[in-house]
Amino acid sequence: MAANQAKQLERVVITGMGAITPLGNDVETFWNRLVKGDSGVTRIDTFDTERYKVKIAGLVRDFDPKELFGLKEARRMDRFSQFALAAADQALKDSGIDLERIDKERIGVYVGSGIGGLRTLMDQHTLISERGPERVSPTLVPMIISNMAAALISIKLGALGASLSPVTACSIGNTAIGEAFHHIQAGRADILFAGGTDAAVNELSLASFSNATALSTRNDEPEQASRPFDAGRDGFVMGEGAGILVLESLSHALSRGAKIHAEVVGYAATSDAYHMVATHPEGDGAYRAMKLALQDADIQPSEVDVISAHATSTELGDKSETAAIKKLFGQEAYRIPVTANKSMTGHTLGASGGLEAIALVKSLQNGIIPPTINQRQRDEDCDLDYVPNEARTSDLSIGMSNSFGFGGHNAVIVLKKYGENV
C-alpha cells in the first residue's frame, strides 16, 4: 500500500468557541438563554420600518465595536467583519492557544459570510449620490467583500496557513467547519478557526426578503414569529451575528494540554440542483448530505442522539427537512429529538451554522437539548419530536447539525462528545 494511503487520518476536536448573537455576545449567555427558551427577536429600531411589511428581526444588542477595536480600526470594518473578529477573539481566549508558541504556517482561517458588507455598500452609495465620487471611501471594496472576515482574523492571529471564505449562502458555517475538519484530518494543518458571520438586517435586504414573501409578518408578537415546524409558521425572521470555533488536531491539542469541548467526526455537502431559492420539496439533497455525513463519520443512524435542524420556519423548508430526516432514519426518526435554534435567534444567515454548532457542542457537554419554542399547533407533515417549548435533559453522545442554503447548498456535520469512555 502506498505511504499516503496508509497514513492514519488525524482526529479533529473543538478547543475554542466564540459567539455574537441576538441572545447575547458570548457563548455562555447565548447558551443559557437558549436553554431557557428566550427569544432574541424584537421590533427593529435601527432604521425606520414604517413603509415595510416586516418590522422585526433578531438583532445583536450591546455590541460596541469602538470599545472592542478602537474608533479607527472599527471604522475600517463592516459590521459583519466586526462580529467575526469579536467571536474569533473569544474563541482564541477560550482555546488557551499561545500564539507565540505555535507554528503559524500550520494555523488558518475558514470563515465565510453570505452577504458581506451590504451596510457599507449602501452607505457609500448614498455618499456618491449626494456628495459625489470624491467622497467615496478608498476602503469601500475591502470592507464589503465577504472574504474580509477571514482575512482580518488571519491578520489578527498572524495565521500563515490557508485562509478561505466559502460562500454557500446559509450553509456557510457548516461548509467552513466541515472543510476545515477534512483539511486538518488530512494532516494539512494543526489549527483552523472556522465558522460564519452576517450582518444583513438593513433596509435593502429586509425589503427584498419581504417582497419575496419569505419573512414572517407577526410584527405585533415578535417573540412568537419564528416558529419552525409549527402549523402557524408564516416565514423566517432575519437575524445577525457570528459563530466561530477553533478546530484542532487531537494530537496537537493533547500536546499543549488543551481543554477539549467535543470532537468533529463527520461532514458532507451536496447540491439539490433544483431551484435558485426553493429547497427540493422531498428534501433529496438534505437526505443525501445527512446520509453521507454519517458515512464519513462511520456512524449508524441508530447511534444519533440529537439533530440540530436547519428549520428556518418556512412552509416548504421545514416540511422537506422533516421528510429528509424520515427518509434517512425511518422509524428511528420518531425517537430522535430535533431542536431548532432559529426559533429563538431568527435566521442569522451565514452565521447560523457556526452558532448552531456551538449550541450542539454545549448540548453534548451538558446533556441538555434546547427547546424549539413557539410550538402551538401541530402540523401533520411535521410530526417528529421537536423538543417543544421546554429544554430537555438527555444522555447525549452523537449529534448532527444541518445547514441548507439558497441555490440548493446542503452541508451537514456530525459531532461527538469527547471523553475517555465515548
Protein backbone atom coordinates (compact mmCIF):
# COMPACT_ATOMS: atom_id res chain seq x y z
CA MET A 1 0.00 0.00 0.00
CA ALA A 2 1.27 3.49 -0.86
CA ALA A 3 2.54 5.57 2.04
CA ASN A 4 -0.11 8.27 1.60
CA GLN A 5 -2.86 5.64 1.60
CA ALA A 6 -1.52 4.03 4.75
CA LYS A 7 -1.33 7.29 6.71
CA GLN A 8 -3.87 7.39 9.52
CA LEU A 9 -6.30 10.29 9.49
CA GLU A 10 -5.98 12.83 12.28
CA ARG A 11 -8.80 13.07 14.78
CA VAL A 12 -10.20 16.60 14.98
CA VAL A 13 -11.51 18.28 18.11
CA ILE A 14 -13.06 21.62 19.06
CA THR A 15 -10.98 23.56 21.57
CA GLY A 16 -12.43 27.07 21.42
CA MET A 17 -15.74 28.82 20.72
CA GLY A 18 -16.94 32.40 20.33
CA ALA A 19 -20.40 33.84 19.68
CA ILE A 20 -22.05 37.15 18.86
CA THR A 21 -25.82 36.61 18.78
CA PRO A 22 -29.29 38.13 19.25
CA LEU A 23 -29.34 36.28 22.60
CA GLY A 24 -26.07 37.68 23.90
CA ASN A 25 -22.49 38.34 22.93
CA ASP A 26 -20.67 35.41 24.48
CA VAL A 27 -21.10 31.65 24.44
CA GLU A 28 -22.43 31.23 27.98
CA THR A 29 -25.09 33.94 27.67
CA PHE A 30 -26.14 32.57 24.29
CA TRP A 31 -26.36 29.02 25.65
CA ASN A 32 -28.17 29.92 28.88
CA ARG A 33 -30.84 31.87 27.03
CA LEU A 34 -31.27 29.05 24.50
CA VAL A 35 -31.89 26.60 27.32
CA LYS A 36 -34.42 28.97 28.91
CA GLY A 37 -36.28 29.25 25.62
CA ASP A 38 -35.79 33.01 25.39
CA SER A 39 -36.40 34.78 22.09
CA GLY A 40 -33.98 37.37 20.73
CA VAL A 41 -36.46 38.61 18.13
CA THR A 42 -37.61 42.21 18.63
CA ARG A 43 -39.00 45.19 16.74
CA ILE A 44 -36.37 46.77 14.50
CA ASP A 45 -35.25 50.12 15.89
CA THR A 46 -32.04 50.59 13.90
CA PHE A 47 -33.83 52.15 10.92
CA ASP A 48 -37.31 53.37 10.03
CA THR A 49 -39.59 50.47 9.11
CA GLU A 50 -42.80 52.47 8.61
CA ARG A 51 -43.12 51.54 4.94
CA TYR A 52 -42.01 47.92 5.43
CA LYS A 53 -44.33 44.94 5.69
CA VAL A 54 -41.86 43.33 8.10
CA LYS A 55 -40.70 45.22 11.19
CA ILE A 56 -38.96 42.53 13.28
CA ALA A 57 -35.57 40.81 13.40
CA GLY A 58 -33.07 39.09 15.66
CA LEU A 59 -30.69 41.98 16.32
CA VAL A 60 -27.35 41.91 18.09
CA ARG A 61 -27.59 44.31 21.03
CA ASP A 62 -24.98 45.98 23.26
CA PHE A 63 -22.19 45.48 20.73
CA ASP A 64 -19.74 48.38 20.72
CA PRO A 65 -17.02 47.94 18.07
CA LYS A 66 -15.24 51.13 19.16
CA GLU A 67 -14.74 49.66 22.61
CA LEU A 68 -13.51 46.37 21.17
CA PHE A 69 -11.27 47.62 18.37
CA GLY A 70 -10.82 51.37 18.82
CA LEU A 71 -12.52 54.01 16.68
CA LYS A 72 -10.05 54.00 13.78
CA GLU A 73 -9.99 50.23 13.31
CA ALA A 74 -13.75 49.87 13.83
CA ARG A 75 -14.47 52.42 11.07
CA ARG A 76 -12.46 50.34 8.60
CA MET A 77 -14.59 47.23 9.13
CA ASP A 78 -18.15 46.45 8.14
CA ARG A 79 -20.38 45.09 10.89
CA PHE A 80 -20.13 41.51 9.61
CA SER A 81 -16.34 41.63 9.98
CA GLN A 82 -16.61 43.23 13.42
CA PHE A 83 -18.82 40.36 14.57
CA ALA A 84 -16.43 37.75 13.18
CA LEU A 85 -13.34 39.31 14.71
CA ALA A 86 -15.01 39.63 18.11
CA ALA A 87 -16.20 36.00 18.04
CA ALA A 88 -12.76 34.80 16.90
CA ASP A 89 -11.11 36.66 19.77
CA GLN A 90 -13.45 34.90 22.21
CA ALA A 91 -12.65 31.55 20.60
CA LEU A 92 -8.92 32.22 20.82
CA LYS A 93 -9.14 33.04 24.53
CA ASP A 94 -11.34 30.01 25.16
CA SER A 95 -8.86 27.74 23.39
CA GLY A 96 -5.90 28.85 25.50
CA ILE A 97 -3.67 28.91 22.41
CA ASP A 98 -0.41 30.79 22.91
CA LEU A 99 0.21 32.33 19.50
CA GLU A 100 3.89 32.76 20.32
CA ARG A 101 4.37 29.03 20.80
CA ILE A 102 2.72 27.53 17.72
CA ASP A 103 3.76 27.10 14.10
CA LYS A 104 1.97 29.97 12.31
CA GLU A 105 2.24 28.12 9.00
CA ARG A 106 0.05 25.37 10.47
CA ILE A 107 -2.83 27.64 11.53
CA GLY A 108 -5.50 29.02 9.20
CA VAL A 109 -8.99 30.50 8.96
CA TYR A 110 -12.12 29.17 7.23
CA VAL A 111 -14.80 31.83 7.81
CA GLY A 112 -17.47 32.98 5.37
CA SER A 113 -20.31 35.46 5.02
CA GLY A 114 -23.41 35.11 2.91
CA ILE A 115 -23.95 38.77 2.08
CA GLY A 116 -20.79 40.58 3.19
CA GLY A 117 -20.68 44.33 3.71
CA LEU A 118 -24.06 45.37 2.39
CA ARG A 119 -24.42 48.12 5.02
CA THR A 120 -21.17 49.74 3.91
CA LEU A 121 -22.19 49.47 0.25
CA MET A 122 -25.49 51.20 0.95
CA ASP A 123 -23.86 53.99 2.94
CA GLN A 124 -21.25 54.62 0.27
CA HIS A 125 -23.86 54.62 -2.48
CA THR A 126 -25.69 57.35 -0.58
CA LEU A 127 -22.45 59.32 -0.38
CA ILE A 128 -21.71 59.13 -4.10
CA SER A 129 -25.32 60.04 -4.92
CA GLU A 130 -25.48 63.02 -2.59
CA ARG A 131 -21.89 64.31 -2.47
CA GLY A 132 -20.08 62.90 -5.49
CA PRO A 133 -17.35 60.34 -6.20
CA GLU A 134 -14.73 62.29 -4.25
CA ARG A 135 -16.43 61.28 -1.01
CA VAL A 136 -16.37 57.51 -1.58
CA SER A 137 -14.13 55.71 0.88
CA PRO A 138 -10.95 54.14 -0.52
CA THR A 139 -11.65 51.21 1.82
CA LEU A 140 -15.08 50.51 0.29
CA VAL A 141 -14.06 47.37 -1.62
CA PRO A 142 -12.08 45.67 1.15
CA MET A 143 -14.90 46.47 3.58
CA ILE A 144 -17.67 44.87 1.51
CA ILE A 145 -16.03 41.73 0.10
CA SER A 146 -17.15 38.68 2.04
CA ASN A 147 -13.69 37.15 2.46
CA MET A 148 -12.61 40.10 4.61
CA ALA A 149 -13.82 38.49 7.85
CA ALA A 150 -11.47 35.56 7.30
CA ALA A 151 -8.70 37.88 6.20
CA LEU A 152 -8.95 40.12 9.26
CA ILE A 153 -8.95 37.11 11.60
CA SER A 154 -5.86 35.69 9.90
CA ILE A 155 -4.11 39.07 10.16
CA LYS A 156 -5.00 39.32 13.85
CA LEU A 157 -3.70 35.81 14.52
CA GLY A 158 -0.70 36.03 12.22
CA ALA A 159 -2.05 32.82 10.68
CA LEU A 160 0.01 31.86 7.64
CA GLY A 161 -1.92 28.75 6.63
CA ALA A 162 -4.96 28.51 4.37
CA SER A 163 -7.41 31.39 4.70
CA LEU A 164 -10.65 30.64 2.86
CA SER A 165 -14.12 32.18 2.74
CA PRO A 166 -16.71 29.68 1.50
CA VAL A 167 -19.88 31.24 0.13
CA THR A 168 -22.69 28.70 0.25
CA ALA A 169 -25.46 31.00 1.46
CA CYS A 170 -27.00 29.87 4.73
CA SER A 171 -24.94 26.67 4.88
CA ILE A 172 -21.67 28.62 5.13
CA GLY A 173 -20.95 27.82 8.77
CA ASN A 174 -21.21 24.08 8.28
CA THR A 175 -19.32 24.25 4.99
CA ALA A 176 -16.47 26.09 6.73
CA ILE A 177 -16.40 23.74 9.71
CA GLY A 178 -16.65 20.63 7.54
CA GLU A 179 -13.96 21.66 5.07
CA ALA A 180 -11.71 22.70 7.97
CA PHE A 181 -12.32 19.30 9.57
CA HIS A 182 -11.24 17.45 6.43
CA HIS A 183 -8.22 19.75 5.99
CA ILE A 184 -6.94 19.01 9.50
CA GLN A 185 -7.94 15.34 9.24
CA ALA A 186 -5.68 15.03 6.21
CA GLY A 187 -2.75 16.44 8.18
CA ARG A 188 -2.52 19.74 6.30
CA ALA A 189 -2.97 21.99 9.34
CA ASP A 190 -2.89 21.85 13.14
CA ILE A 191 -5.46 24.56 13.90
CA LEU A 192 -8.23 26.23 11.89
CA PHE A 193 -10.66 28.91 13.03
CA ALA A 194 -13.96 28.08 11.31
CA GLY A 195 -17.49 29.40 11.14
CA GLY A 196 -19.62 32.15 9.67
CA THR A 197 -20.84 35.71 10.10
CA ASP A 198 -23.51 38.01 8.71
CA ALA A 199 -24.94 41.46 9.48
CA ALA A 200 -27.62 41.81 6.83
CA VAL A 201 -30.52 43.32 8.78
CA ASN A 202 -30.83 46.54 6.79
CA GLU A 203 -33.32 48.37 4.59
CA LEU A 204 -32.35 46.71 1.32
CA SER A 205 -32.22 43.07 2.35
CA LEU A 206 -35.32 43.39 4.55
CA ALA A 207 -37.26 44.85 1.61
CA SER A 208 -36.07 42.12 -0.75
CA PHE A 209 -36.82 39.18 1.54
CA SER A 210 -40.13 40.78 2.49
CA ASN A 211 -41.19 41.32 -1.12
CA ALA A 212 -40.34 37.69 -1.78
CA THR A 213 -42.89 36.83 0.95
CA ALA A 214 -40.19 34.84 2.73
CA LEU A 215 -40.44 36.61 6.10
CA SER A 216 -42.86 36.35 8.98
CA THR A 217 -45.18 39.33 9.37
CA ARG A 218 -46.03 38.75 13.03
CA ASN A 219 -44.93 42.29 13.82
CA ASP A 220 -47.12 42.61 16.90
CA GLU A 221 -45.71 39.50 18.55
CA PRO A 222 -42.05 39.33 17.50
CA GLU A 223 -41.04 36.76 20.11
CA GLN A 224 -43.59 34.35 18.64
CA ALA A 225 -42.78 35.00 14.99
CA SER A 226 -40.13 32.33 14.40
CA ARG A 227 -41.91 29.01 14.83
CA PRO A 228 -40.20 26.16 12.99
CA PHE A 229 -42.38 23.10 12.31
CA ASP A 230 -45.48 24.78 13.78
CA ALA A 231 -48.59 24.77 11.59
CA GLY A 232 -48.90 28.54 12.08
CA ARG A 233 -45.47 29.40 10.69
CA ASP A 234 -45.53 32.16 8.10
CA GLY A 235 -41.89 32.68 7.15
CA PHE A 236 -38.46 33.17 8.66
CA VAL A 237 -37.17 36.04 10.78
CA MET A 238 -33.92 37.73 9.78
CA GLY A 239 -31.09 37.68 12.31
CA GLU A 240 -27.44 38.60 12.57
CA GLY A 241 -24.31 37.50 14.40
CA ALA A 242 -21.21 35.32 14.20
CA GLY A 243 -20.21 31.87 15.41
CA ILE A 244 -16.54 30.87 15.32
CA LEU A 245 -14.98 27.60 16.51
CA VAL A 246 -11.36 26.53 16.90
CA LEU A 247 -10.77 23.15 15.26
CA GLU A 248 -7.54 21.39 16.14
CA SER A 249 -5.94 18.03 15.53
CA LEU A 250 -6.29 15.87 18.62
CA SER A 251 -2.56 15.23 18.71
CA HIS A 252 -1.80 18.96 18.71
CA ALA A 253 -4.46 19.69 21.32
CA LEU A 254 -3.15 16.97 23.64
CA SER A 255 0.44 18.12 23.18
CA ARG A 256 -0.39 21.53 24.63
CA GLY A 257 -2.82 20.27 27.29
CA ALA A 258 -5.85 21.91 25.70
CA LYS A 259 -9.38 21.80 27.06
CA ILE A 260 -11.45 19.81 24.57
CA HIS A 261 -15.12 20.64 24.06
CA ALA A 262 -16.14 17.97 21.53
CA GLU A 263 -14.95 16.00 18.52
CA VAL A 264 -15.85 16.54 14.86
CA VAL A 265 -16.34 13.14 13.27
CA GLY A 266 -18.25 13.62 10.02
CA TYR A 267 -19.11 16.05 7.26
CA ALA A 268 -20.73 16.02 3.84
CA ALA A 269 -22.04 18.52 1.31
CA THR A 270 -24.49 18.04 -1.55
CA SER A 271 -26.48 20.10 -4.03
CA ASP A 272 -30.21 20.00 -4.75
CA ALA A 273 -29.64 21.11 -8.38
CA TYR A 274 -33.28 22.16 -8.26
CA HIS A 275 -34.06 25.88 -7.79
CA MET A 276 -32.45 29.24 -7.01
CA VAL A 277 -34.17 29.66 -3.64
CA ALA A 278 -36.64 26.82 -3.03
CA THR A 279 -35.45 23.65 -1.35
CA HIS A 280 -36.15 20.32 -3.00
CA PRO A 281 -39.74 19.50 -1.94
CA GLU A 282 -38.80 15.98 -0.88
CA GLY A 283 -35.56 17.07 0.80
CA ASP A 284 -33.45 14.94 -1.54
CA GLY A 285 -30.25 16.95 -1.16
CA ALA A 286 -30.68 17.22 2.60
CA TYR A 287 -31.21 13.46 2.85
CA ARG A 288 -28.08 12.70 0.86
CA ALA A 289 -25.97 15.16 2.87
CA MET A 290 -27.07 13.62 6.16
CA LYS A 291 -26.52 10.10 4.85
CA LEU A 292 -23.03 10.90 3.56
CA ALA A 293 -22.05 12.75 6.74
CA LEU A 294 -22.91 9.68 8.82
CA GLN A 295 -20.95 7.50 6.42
CA ASP A 296 -18.00 9.89 6.72
CA ALA A 297 -18.24 9.53 10.50
CA ASP A 298 -18.68 5.74 10.30
CA ILE A 299 -21.78 6.11 12.44
CA GLN A 300 -25.09 4.28 12.06
CA PRO A 301 -28.36 6.28 12.08
CA SER A 302 -29.38 4.41 15.23
CA GLU A 303 -26.44 5.97 17.08
CA VAL A 304 -27.56 9.59 16.60
CA ASP A 305 -28.92 11.10 19.82
CA VAL A 306 -29.99 14.58 18.69
CA ILE A 307 -30.44 16.58 15.48
CA SER A 308 -29.95 20.33 15.26
CA ALA A 309 -32.23 21.22 12.38
CA HIS A 310 -31.79 23.97 9.80
CA ALA A 311 -35.50 24.73 10.35
CA THR A 312 -35.98 28.33 9.29
CA SER A 313 -39.76 28.46 9.89
CA THR A 314 -40.80 28.39 6.24
CA GLU A 315 -43.66 26.25 4.98
CA LEU A 316 -41.70 24.19 2.45
CA GLY A 317 -38.31 24.20 4.15
CA ASP A 318 -39.45 22.70 7.45
CA LYS A 319 -41.62 20.14 5.70
CA SER A 320 -38.85 18.99 3.35
CA GLU A 321 -36.29 18.74 6.17
CA THR A 322 -38.71 16.61 8.16
CA ALA A 323 -39.22 14.38 5.11
CA ALA A 324 -35.45 14.04 4.67
CA ILE A 325 -34.99 13.02 8.31
CA LYS A 326 -37.73 10.42 7.99
CA LYS A 327 -36.26 9.04 4.79
CA LEU A 328 -32.83 8.56 6.37
CA PHE A 329 -33.80 7.39 9.85
CA GLY A 330 -37.05 5.55 9.16
CA GLN A 331 -38.89 4.72 12.39
CA GLU A 332 -35.82 5.88 14.32
CA ALA A 333 -36.77 9.43 13.28
CA TYR A 334 -39.55 9.44 15.87
CA ARG A 335 -37.09 8.57 18.63
CA ILE A 336 -34.51 11.29 17.92
CA PRO A 337 -35.09 14.77 19.42
CA VAL A 338 -34.90 17.55 16.81
CA THR A 339 -34.13 21.06 18.03
CA ALA A 340 -34.42 24.35 16.11
CA ASN A 341 -32.28 27.18 17.49
CA LYS A 342 -33.66 29.64 14.91
CA SER A 343 -36.93 29.67 16.83
CA MET A 344 -35.03 31.88 19.31
CA THR A 345 -32.32 33.64 17.28
CA GLY A 346 -34.11 34.10 13.99
CA HIS A 347 -32.18 33.09 10.89
CA THR A 348 -28.68 34.55 11.21
CA LEU A 349 -27.90 33.54 7.61
CA GLY A 350 -24.17 32.81 7.18
CA ALA A 351 -23.67 32.82 10.94
CA SER A 352 -26.27 30.15 11.65
CA GLY A 353 -24.14 27.03 11.09
CA GLY A 354 -21.39 28.23 13.41
CA LEU A 355 -23.81 29.27 16.13
CA GLU A 356 -25.78 26.04 15.90
CA ALA A 357 -22.57 24.02 16.06
CA ILE A 358 -21.68 25.83 19.28
CA ALA A 359 -25.12 25.10 20.72
CA LEU A 360 -24.76 21.42 19.75
CA VAL A 361 -21.36 21.24 21.47
CA LYS A 362 -22.91 22.67 24.63
CA SER A 363 -25.74 20.13 24.39
CA LEU A 364 -23.28 17.25 24.20
CA GLN A 365 -21.28 18.65 27.11
CA ASN A 366 -24.25 19.32 29.38
CA GLY A 367 -26.77 16.67 28.37
CA ILE A 368 -29.37 19.37 27.65
CA ILE A 369 -31.33 19.90 24.44
CA PRO A 370 -32.60 23.46 23.91
CA PRO A 371 -36.28 23.68 23.00
CA THR A 372 -37.94 24.61 19.76
CA ILE A 373 -40.13 27.43 21.03
CA ASN A 374 -43.48 28.65 19.69
CA GLN A 375 -44.84 25.14 19.20
CA ARG A 376 -48.56 25.85 19.41
CA GLN A 377 -50.31 23.98 16.60
CA ARG A 378 -49.28 20.60 15.22
CA ASP A 379 -48.52 20.29 11.51
CA GLU A 380 -49.43 16.84 10.22
CA ASP A 381 -46.44 16.92 7.86
CA CYS A 382 -44.06 17.87 10.69
CA ASP A 383 -44.72 15.18 13.27
CA LEU A 384 -41.31 14.45 14.81
CA ASP A 385 -40.14 15.20 18.35
CA TYR A 386 -39.12 18.86 18.11
CA VAL A 387 -38.49 19.30 21.88
CA PRO A 388 -41.48 21.64 22.12
CA ASN A 389 -41.20 24.81 24.24
CA GLU A 390 -39.08 23.47 27.11
CA ALA A 391 -35.49 22.23 27.26
CA ARG A 392 -34.90 18.56 27.95
CA THR A 393 -32.14 16.64 29.72
CA SER A 394 -30.83 13.55 27.98
CA ASP A 395 -27.75 11.35 27.79
CA LEU A 396 -26.12 12.57 24.58
CA SER A 397 -23.12 11.22 22.69
CA ILE A 398 -23.66 11.89 18.96
CA GLY A 399 -25.26 14.98 17.42
CA MET A 400 -25.92 16.01 13.83
CA SER A 401 -26.30 19.61 12.63
CA ASN A 402 -28.00 20.52 9.34
CA SER A 403 -27.50 23.67 7.27
CA PHE A 404 -29.06 24.39 3.90
CA GLY A 405 -28.75 27.45 1.66
CA PHE A 406 -30.21 29.26 -1.33
CA GLY A 407 -29.14 27.63 -4.57
CA GLY A 408 -29.52 24.16 -3.10
CA HIS A 409 -26.36 24.04 -0.97
CA ASN A 410 -26.55 21.40 1.79
CA ALA A 411 -23.91 20.89 4.48
CA VAL A 412 -24.13 18.55 7.45
CA ILE A 413 -21.67 18.00 10.29
CA VAL A 414 -21.59 15.26 12.91
CA LEU A 415 -20.19 15.98 16.39
CA LYS A 416 -19.34 13.58 19.19
CA LYS A 417 -18.99 14.06 22.91
CA TYR A 418 -15.35 13.88 23.88
CA GLY A 419 -14.24 11.66 26.72
CA GLU A 420 -12.32 8.55 27.58
CA ASN A 421 -15.35 6.29 27.51
CA VAL A 422 -17.01 7.80 24.44
